[in-house]
PDB file of all heavy atoms in Angstrom:
ATOM      1  N   GLY A   1      67.056 106.320  85.433  1.00  0.00           N
ATOM      2  CA  GLY A   1      66.551 105.680  86.629  1.00  0.00           C
ATOM      3  C   GLY A   1      67.664 105.365  87.607  1.00  0.00           C
ATOM      4  O   GLY A   1      68.851 105.645  87.364  1.00  0.00           O
ATOM      5  N   PRO A   2      67.331 104.762  88.753  1.00  0.00           N
ATOM      6  CA  PRO A   2      68.326 104.458  89.788  1.00  0.00           C
ATOM      7  C   PRO A   2      69.460 103.594  89.239  1.00  0.00           C
ATOM      8  O   PRO A   2      69.211 102.594  88.565  1.00  0.00           O
ATOM      9  CB  PRO A   2      67.510 103.712  90.850  1.00  0.00           C
ATOM     10  CG  PRO A   2      66.089 104.118  90.602  1.00  0.00           C
ATOM     11  CD  PRO A   2      65.975 104.323  89.134  1.00  0.00           C
ATOM     12  N   VAL A   3      70.686 103.975  89.570  1.00  0.00           N
ATOM     13  CA  VAL A   3      71.821 103.233  89.047  1.00  0.00           C
ATOM     14  C   VAL A   3      71.851 101.805  89.586  1.00  0.00           C
ATOM     15  O   VAL A   3      72.412 100.902  88.954  1.00  0.00           O
ATOM     16  CB  VAL A   3      73.132 103.979  89.370  1.00  0.00           C
ATOM     17  CG1 VAL A   3      73.426 103.920  90.861  1.00  0.00           C
ATOM     18  CG2 VAL A   3      74.294 103.429  88.565  1.00  0.00           C
ATOM     19  N   SER A   4      71.234 101.594  90.728  1.00  0.00           N
ATOM     20  CA  SER A   4      71.178 100.242  91.300  1.00  0.00           C
ATOM     21  C   SER A   4      70.405  99.278  90.410  1.00  0.00           C
ATOM     22  O   SER A   4      70.542  98.064  90.529  1.00  0.00           O
ATOM     23  CB  SER A   4      70.545 100.286  92.692  1.00  0.00           C
ATOM     24  OG  SER A   4      69.227 100.807  92.627  1.00  0.00           O
ATOM     25  N   GLU A   5      69.575  99.843  89.515  1.00  0.00           N
ATOM     26  CA  GLU A   5      68.784  99.004  88.616  1.00  0.00           C
ATOM     27  C   GLU A   5      69.398  98.898  87.230  1.00  0.00           C
ATOM     28  O   GLU A   5      68.822  98.251  86.357  1.00  0.00           O
ATOM     29  CB  GLU A   5      67.370  99.573  88.504  1.00  0.00           C
ATOM     30  CG  GLU A   5      66.623  99.592  89.831  1.00  0.00           C
ATOM     31  CD  GLU A   5      65.236 100.194  89.706  1.00  0.00           C
ATOM     32  OE1 GLU A   5      64.835 100.535  88.573  1.00  0.00           O
ATOM     33  OE2 GLU A   5      64.551 100.326  90.747  1.00  0.00           O
ATOM     34  N   TRP A   6      70.556  99.531  87.016  1.00  0.00           N
ATOM     35  CA  TRP A   6      71.213  99.439  85.712  1.00  0.00           C
ATOM     36  C   TRP A   6      71.681  98.017  85.455  1.00  0.00           C
ATOM     37  O   TRP A   6      72.219  97.349  86.347  1.00  0.00           O
ATOM     38  CB  TRP A   6      72.401 100.383  85.650  1.00  0.00           C
ATOM     39  CG  TRP A   6      72.045 101.829  85.509  1.00  0.00           C
ATOM     40  CD1 TRP A   6      70.804 102.391  85.662  1.00  0.00           C
ATOM     41  CD2 TRP A   6      72.930 102.911  85.209  1.00  0.00           C
ATOM     42  NE1 TRP A   6      70.867 103.745  85.480  1.00  0.00           N
ATOM     43  CE2 TRP A   6      72.153 104.090  85.197  1.00  0.00           C
ATOM     44  CE3 TRP A   6      74.287 102.995  84.949  1.00  0.00           C
ATOM     45  CZ2 TRP A   6      72.722 105.342  84.942  1.00  0.00           C
ATOM     46  CZ3 TRP A   6      74.859 104.229  84.694  1.00  0.00           C
ATOM     47  CH2 TRP A   6      74.079 105.391  84.684  1.00  0.00           C
ATOM     48  N   ARG A   7      71.493  97.578  84.238  1.00  0.00           N
ATOM     49  CA  ARG A   7      71.979  96.274  83.801  1.00  0.00           C
ATOM     50  C   ARG A   7      73.212  96.485  82.929  1.00  0.00           C
ATOM     51  O   ARG A   7      73.676  97.605  82.736  1.00  0.00           O
ATOM     52  CB  ARG A   7      70.902  95.541  83.024  1.00  0.00           C
ATOM     53  CG  ARG A   7      69.572  95.386  83.757  1.00  0.00           C
ATOM     54  CD  ARG A   7      68.456  95.197  82.747  1.00  0.00           C
ATOM     55  NE  ARG A   7      68.364  96.335  81.845  1.00  0.00           N
ATOM     56  CZ  ARG A   7      67.706  96.335  80.689  1.00  0.00           C
ATOM     57  NH1 ARG A   7      67.086  95.234  80.298  1.00  0.00           N
ATOM     58  NH2 ARG A   7      67.667  97.411  79.920  1.00  0.00           N
ATOM     59  N   SER A   8      73.738  95.392  82.396  1.00  0.00           N
ATOM     60  CA  SER A   8      74.896  95.508  81.504  1.00  0.00           C
ATOM     61  C   SER A   8      74.577  96.372  80.299  1.00  0.00           C
ATOM     62  O   SER A   8      75.443  97.094  79.787  1.00  0.00           O
ATOM     63  CB  SER A   8      75.358  94.115  81.045  1.00  0.00           C
ATOM     64  OG  SER A   8      75.846  93.361  82.119  1.00  0.00           O
ATOM     65  N   GLN A   9      73.313  96.345  79.839  1.00  0.00           N
ATOM     66  CA  GLN A   9      72.938  97.125  78.666  1.00  0.00           C
ATOM     67  C   GLN A   9      73.108  98.619  78.915  1.00  0.00           C
ATOM     68  O   GLN A   9      73.536  99.368  78.034  1.00  0.00           O
ATOM     69  CB  GLN A   9      71.501  96.817  78.272  1.00  0.00           C
ATOM     70  CG  GLN A   9      71.061  97.525  76.993  1.00  0.00           C
ATOM     71  CD  GLN A   9      71.898  97.123  75.796  1.00  0.00           C
ATOM     72  OE1 GLN A   9      72.083  95.930  75.541  1.00  0.00           O
ATOM     73  NE2 GLN A   9      72.436  98.090  75.076  1.00  0.00           N
ATOM     74  N   GLU A  10      72.755  99.080  80.139  1.00  0.00           N
ATOM     75  CA  GLU A  10      72.902 100.508  80.438  1.00  0.00           C
ATOM     76  C   GLU A  10      74.367 100.928  80.399  1.00  0.00           C
ATOM     77  O   GLU A  10      74.696 102.025  79.912  1.00  0.00           O
ATOM     78  CB  GLU A  10      72.297 100.836  81.801  1.00  0.00           C
ATOM     79  CG  GLU A  10      70.802 101.088  81.791  1.00  0.00           C
ATOM     80  CD  GLU A  10      69.986  99.830  81.539  1.00  0.00           C
ATOM     81  OE1 GLU A  10      70.445  98.720  81.900  1.00  0.00           O
ATOM     82  OE2 GLU A  10      68.879  99.939  80.983  1.00  0.00           O
ATOM     83  N   PHE A  11      75.259 100.081  80.882  1.00  0.00           N
ATOM     84  CA  PHE A  11      76.678 100.433  80.841  1.00  0.00           C
ATOM     85  C   PHE A  11      77.207 100.388  79.412  1.00  0.00           C
ATOM     86  O   PHE A  11      78.073 101.189  79.034  1.00  0.00           O
ATOM     87  CB  PHE A  11      77.482  99.504  81.760  1.00  0.00           C
ATOM     88  CG  PHE A  11      77.248  99.774  83.219  1.00  0.00           C
ATOM     89  CD1 PHE A  11      76.401  98.975  83.962  1.00  0.00           C
ATOM     90  CD2 PHE A  11      77.870 100.849  83.844  1.00  0.00           C
ATOM     91  CE1 PHE A  11      76.170  99.238  85.306  1.00  0.00           C
ATOM     92  CE2 PHE A  11      77.652 101.119  85.178  1.00  0.00           C
ATOM     93  CZ  PHE A  11      76.798 100.306  85.924  1.00  0.00           C
ATOM     94  N   ALA A  12      76.694  99.475  78.607  1.00  0.00           N
ATOM     95  CA  ALA A  12      77.071  99.452  77.187  1.00  0.00           C
ATOM     96  C   ALA A  12      76.582 100.716  76.489  1.00  0.00           C
ATOM     97  O   ALA A  12      77.294 101.317  75.671  1.00  0.00           O
ATOM     98  CB  ALA A  12      76.495  98.209  76.505  1.00  0.00           C
ATOM     99  N   ASP A  13      75.363 101.154  76.832  1.00  0.00           N
ATOM    100  CA  ASP A  13      74.824 102.378  76.244  1.00  0.00           C
ATOM    101  C   ASP A  13      75.615 103.601  76.702  1.00  0.00           C
ATOM    102  O   ASP A  13      75.858 104.524  75.917  1.00  0.00           O
ATOM    103  CB  ASP A  13      73.354 102.538  76.621  1.00  0.00           C
ATOM    104  CG  ASP A  13      72.467 101.478  75.984  1.00  0.00           C
ATOM    105  OD1 ASP A  13      72.898 100.874  74.992  1.00  0.00           O
ATOM    106  OD2 ASP A  13      71.352 101.257  76.487  1.00  0.00           O
ATOM    107  N   LEU A  14      76.027 103.602  77.976  1.00  0.00           N
ATOM    108  CA  LEU A  14      76.818 104.727  78.486  1.00  0.00           C
ATOM    109  C   LEU A  14      78.153 104.806  77.764  1.00  0.00           C
ATOM    110  O   LEU A  14      78.636 105.905  77.442  1.00  0.00           O
ATOM    111  CB  LEU A  14      77.019 104.575  79.998  1.00  0.00           C
ATOM    112  CG  LEU A  14      77.891 105.652  80.668  1.00  0.00           C
ATOM    113  CD1 LEU A  14      77.354 107.049  80.387  1.00  0.00           C
ATOM    114  CD2 LEU A  14      77.983 105.389  82.164  1.00  0.00           C
ATOM    115  N   LYS A  15      78.758 103.651  77.495  1.00  0.00           N
ATOM    116  CA  LYS A  15      80.014 103.643  76.729  1.00  0.00           C
ATOM    117  C   LYS A  15      79.820 104.323  75.379  1.00  0.00           C
ATOM    118  O   LYS A  15      80.647 105.142  74.946  1.00  0.00           O
ATOM    119  CB  LYS A  15      80.493 102.202  76.531  1.00  0.00           C
ATOM    120  CG  LYS A  15      81.767 102.083  75.703  1.00  0.00           C
ATOM    121  CD  LYS A  15      82.192 100.631  75.530  1.00  0.00           C
ATOM    122  CE  LYS A  15      81.286  99.911  74.551  1.00  0.00           C
ATOM    123  NZ  LYS A  15      81.793  98.560  74.219  1.00  0.00           N
ATOM    124  N   LYS A  16      78.718 104.019  74.709  1.00  0.00           N
ATOM    125  CA  LYS A  16      78.443 104.629  73.409  1.00  0.00           C
ATOM    126  C   LYS A  16      78.178 106.121  73.532  1.00  0.00           C
ATOM    127  O   LYS A  16      78.624 106.917  72.705  1.00  0.00           O
ATOM    128  CB  LYS A  16      77.246 103.931  72.754  1.00  0.00           C
ATOM    129  CG  LYS A  16      77.513 102.479  72.382  1.00  0.00           C
ATOM    130  CD  LYS A  16      76.258 101.830  71.806  1.00  0.00           C
ATOM    131  CE  LYS A  16      76.491 100.371  71.461  1.00  0.00           C
ATOM    132  NZ  LYS A  16      75.272  99.712  70.939  1.00  0.00           N
ATOM    133  N   GLU A  17      77.433 106.516  74.579  1.00  0.00           N
ATOM    134  CA  GLU A  17      77.124 107.925  74.784  1.00  0.00           C
ATOM    135  C   GLU A  17      78.411 108.724  75.014  1.00  0.00           C
ATOM    136  O   GLU A  17      78.581 109.826  74.472  1.00  0.00           O
ATOM    137  CB  GLU A  17      76.191 108.090  75.991  1.00  0.00           C
ATOM    138  CG  GLU A  17      74.810 107.479  75.817  1.00  0.00           C
ATOM    139  CD  GLU A  17      73.848 108.410  75.084  1.00  0.00           C
ATOM    140  OE1 GLU A  17      74.213 109.567  74.845  1.00  0.00           O
ATOM    141  OE2 GLU A  17      72.730 107.957  74.758  1.00  0.00           O
ATOM    142  N   ILE A  18      79.322 108.188  75.817  1.00  0.00           N
ATOM    143  CA  ILE A  18      80.579 108.882  76.086  1.00  0.00           C
ATOM    144  C   ILE A  18      81.419 108.971  74.826  1.00  0.00           C
ATOM    145  O   ILE A  18      82.017 110.012  74.531  1.00  0.00           O
ATOM    146  CB  ILE A  18      81.348 108.164  77.220  1.00  0.00           C
ATOM    147  CG1 ILE A  18      80.585 108.313  78.544  1.00  0.00           C
ATOM    148  CG2 ILE A  18      82.764 108.714  77.353  1.00  0.00           C
ATOM    149  CD1 ILE A  18      81.162 107.516  79.686  1.00  0.00           C
ATOM    150  N   PHE A  19      81.465 107.885  74.053  1.00  0.00           N
ATOM    151  CA  PHE A  19      82.236 107.915  72.810  1.00  0.00           C
ATOM    152  C   PHE A  19      81.652 108.928  71.831  1.00  0.00           C
ATOM    153  O   PHE A  19      82.382 109.657  71.152  1.00  0.00           O
ATOM    154  CB  PHE A  19      82.263 106.527  72.173  1.00  0.00           C
ATOM    155  CG  PHE A  19      83.062 106.467  70.891  1.00  0.00           C
ATOM    156  CD1 PHE A  19      84.435 106.411  70.933  1.00  0.00           C
ATOM    157  CD2 PHE A  19      82.433 106.483  69.664  1.00  0.00           C
ATOM    158  CE1 PHE A  19      85.176 106.367  69.760  1.00  0.00           C
ATOM    159  CE2 PHE A  19      83.153 106.453  68.489  1.00  0.00           C
ATOM    160  CZ  PHE A  19      84.539 106.379  68.541  1.00  0.00           C
ATOM    161  N   ASP A  20      80.335 108.979  71.758  1.00  0.00           N
ATOM    162  CA  ASP A  20      79.667 109.931  70.876  1.00  0.00           C
ATOM    163  C   ASP A  20      80.049 111.363  71.220  1.00  0.00           C
ATOM    164  O   ASP A  20      80.304 112.188  70.340  1.00  0.00           O
ATOM    165  CB  ASP A  20      78.152 109.742  71.000  1.00  0.00           C
ATOM    166  CG  ASP A  20      77.370 110.629  70.038  1.00  0.00           C
ATOM    167  OD1 ASP A  20      77.962 111.115  69.070  1.00  0.00           O
ATOM    168  OD2 ASP A  20      76.160 110.806  70.246  1.00  0.00           O
ATOM    169  N   LYS A  21      80.140 111.660  72.501  1.00  0.00           N
ATOM    170  CA  LYS A  21      80.412 113.030  72.960  1.00  0.00           C
ATOM    171  C   LYS A  21      81.891 113.365  72.937  1.00  0.00           C
ATOM    172  O   LYS A  21      82.276 114.489  72.601  1.00  0.00           O
ATOM    173  CB  LYS A  21      79.869 113.180  74.386  1.00  0.00           C
ATOM    174  CG  LYS A  21      80.147 114.518  75.046  1.00  0.00           C
ATOM    175  CD  LYS A  21      79.225 115.594  74.552  1.00  0.00           C
ATOM    176  CE  LYS A  21      79.406 116.873  75.369  1.00  0.00           C
ATOM    177  NZ  LYS A  21      78.518 117.950  74.911  1.00  0.00           N
ATOM    178  N   THR A  22      82.763 112.395  73.273  1.00  0.00           N
ATOM    179  CA  THR A  22      84.174 112.712  73.530  1.00  0.00           C
ATOM    180  C   THR A  22      85.148 112.053  72.573  1.00  0.00           C
ATOM    181  O   THR A  22      86.323 112.418  72.576  1.00  0.00           O
ATOM    182  CB  THR A  22      84.559 112.287  74.955  1.00  0.00           C
ATOM    183  OG1 THR A  22      84.580 110.854  75.052  1.00  0.00           O
ATOM    184  CG2 THR A  22      83.576 112.836  75.979  1.00  0.00           C
ATOM    185  N   LYS A  23      84.675 111.055  71.809  1.00  0.00           N
ATOM    186  CA  LYS A  23      85.552 110.235  70.943  1.00  0.00           C
ATOM    187  C   LYS A  23      86.555 109.424  71.771  1.00  0.00           C
ATOM    188  O   LYS A  23      87.606 109.011  71.286  1.00  0.00           O
ATOM    189  CB  LYS A  23      86.287 111.087  69.917  1.00  0.00           C
ATOM    190  CG  LYS A  23      85.388 111.807  68.954  1.00  0.00           C
ATOM    191  CD  LYS A  23      84.539 110.843  68.126  1.00  0.00           C
ATOM    192  CE  LYS A  23      85.373 110.061  67.129  1.00  0.00           C
ATOM    193  NZ  LYS A  23      85.879 110.894  66.065  1.00  0.00           N
ATOM    194  N   VAL A  24      86.245 109.200  73.038  1.00  0.00           N
ATOM    195  CA  VAL A  24      87.075 108.378  73.920  1.00  0.00           C
ATOM    196  C   VAL A  24      86.276 107.130  74.279  1.00  0.00           C
ATOM    197  O   VAL A  24      85.119 107.224  74.686  1.00  0.00           O
ATOM    198  CB  VAL A  24      87.476 109.129  75.199  1.00  0.00           C
ATOM    199  CG1 VAL A  24      88.220 108.203  76.162  1.00  0.00           C
ATOM    200  CG2 VAL A  24      88.338 110.339  74.856  1.00  0.00           C
ATOM    201  N   MET A  25      86.906 105.969  74.105  1.00  0.00           N
ATOM    202  CA  MET A  25      86.226 104.712  74.384  1.00  0.00           C
ATOM    203  C   MET A  25      86.618 104.233  75.782  1.00  0.00           C
ATOM    204  O   MET A  25      87.787 103.947  76.053  1.00  0.00           O
ATOM    205  CB  MET A  25      86.612 103.660  73.346  1.00  0.00           C
ATOM    206  CG  MET A  25      85.827 102.371  73.468  1.00  0.00           C
ATOM    207  SD  MET A  25      84.094 102.579  72.986  1.00  0.00           S
ATOM    208  CE  MET A  25      84.257 102.679  71.203  1.00  0.00           C
ATOM    209  N   ILE A  26      85.637 104.167  76.692  1.00  0.00           N
ATOM    210  CA  ILE A  26      85.837 103.620  78.033  1.00  0.00           C
ATOM    211  C   ILE A  26      85.103 102.292  78.091  1.00  0.00           C
ATOM    212  O   ILE A  26      83.925 102.215  77.742  1.00  0.00           O
ATOM    213  CB  ILE A  26      85.300 104.565  79.116  1.00  0.00           C
ATOM    214  CG1 ILE A  26      85.986 105.935  79.011  1.00  0.00           C
ATOM    215  CG2 ILE A  26      85.532 103.980  80.501  1.00  0.00           C
ATOM    216  CD1 ILE A  26      85.445 106.945  80.009  1.00  0.00           C
ATOM    217  N   SER A  27      85.770 101.261  78.525  1.00  0.00           N
ATOM    218  CA  SER A  27      85.157  99.936  78.506  1.00  0.00           C
ATOM    219  C   SER A  27      84.006  99.849  79.505  1.00  0.00           C
ATOM    220  O   SER A  27      83.947 100.594  80.492  1.00  0.00           O
ATOM    221  CB  SER A  27      86.202  98.869  78.835  1.00  0.00           C
ATOM    222  OG  SER A  27      86.576  98.926  80.198  1.00  0.00           O
ATOM    223  N   GLU A  28      83.095  98.914  79.238  1.00  0.00           N
ATOM    224  CA  GLU A  28      81.976  98.687  80.153  1.00  0.00           C
ATOM    225  C   GLU A  28      82.478  98.256  81.527  1.00  0.00           C
ATOM    226  O   GLU A  28      81.925  98.650  82.559  1.00  0.00           O
ATOM    227  CB  GLU A  28      81.046  97.627  79.568  1.00  0.00           C
ATOM    228  CG  GLU A  28      80.368  98.050  78.277  1.00  0.00           C
ATOM    229  CD  GLU A  28      79.707  96.884  77.580  1.00  0.00           C
ATOM    230  OE1 GLU A  28      79.113  96.049  78.288  1.00  0.00           O
ATOM    231  OE2 GLU A  28      79.790  96.803  76.341  1.00  0.00           O
ATOM    232  N   THR A  29      83.548  97.452  81.553  1.00  0.00           N
ATOM    233  CA  THR A  29      84.097  97.002  82.831  1.00  0.00           C
ATOM    234  C   THR A  29      84.603  98.173  83.650  1.00  0.00           C
ATOM    235  O   THR A  29      84.368  98.255  84.865  1.00  0.00           O
ATOM    236  CB  THR A  29      85.233  95.999  82.587  1.00  0.00           C
ATOM    237  OG1 THR A  29      84.728  94.875  81.863  1.00  0.00           O
ATOM    238  CG2 THR A  29      85.818  95.513  83.905  1.00  0.00           C
ATOM    239  N   THR A  30      85.300  99.118  82.984  1.00  0.00           N
ATOM    240  CA  THR A  30      85.783 100.297  83.701  1.00  0.00           C
ATOM    241  C   THR A  30      84.631 101.103  84.266  1.00  0.00           C
ATOM    242  O   THR A  30      84.669 101.565  85.416  1.00  0.00           O
ATOM    243  CB  THR A  30      86.627 101.168  82.764  1.00  0.00           C
ATOM    244  OG1 THR A  30      87.788 100.432  82.355  1.00  0.00           O
ATOM    245  CG2 THR A  30      87.073 102.450  83.453  1.00  0.00           C
TER     246      THR A  30
END
């Protein structure tokens, strides 16, 4: 959905998705 509606949970989920794919951990703040 629209990124303007993303909450902290979506960024936490994105961090996990990126780690799952790349084995690189990017913080939610970043």
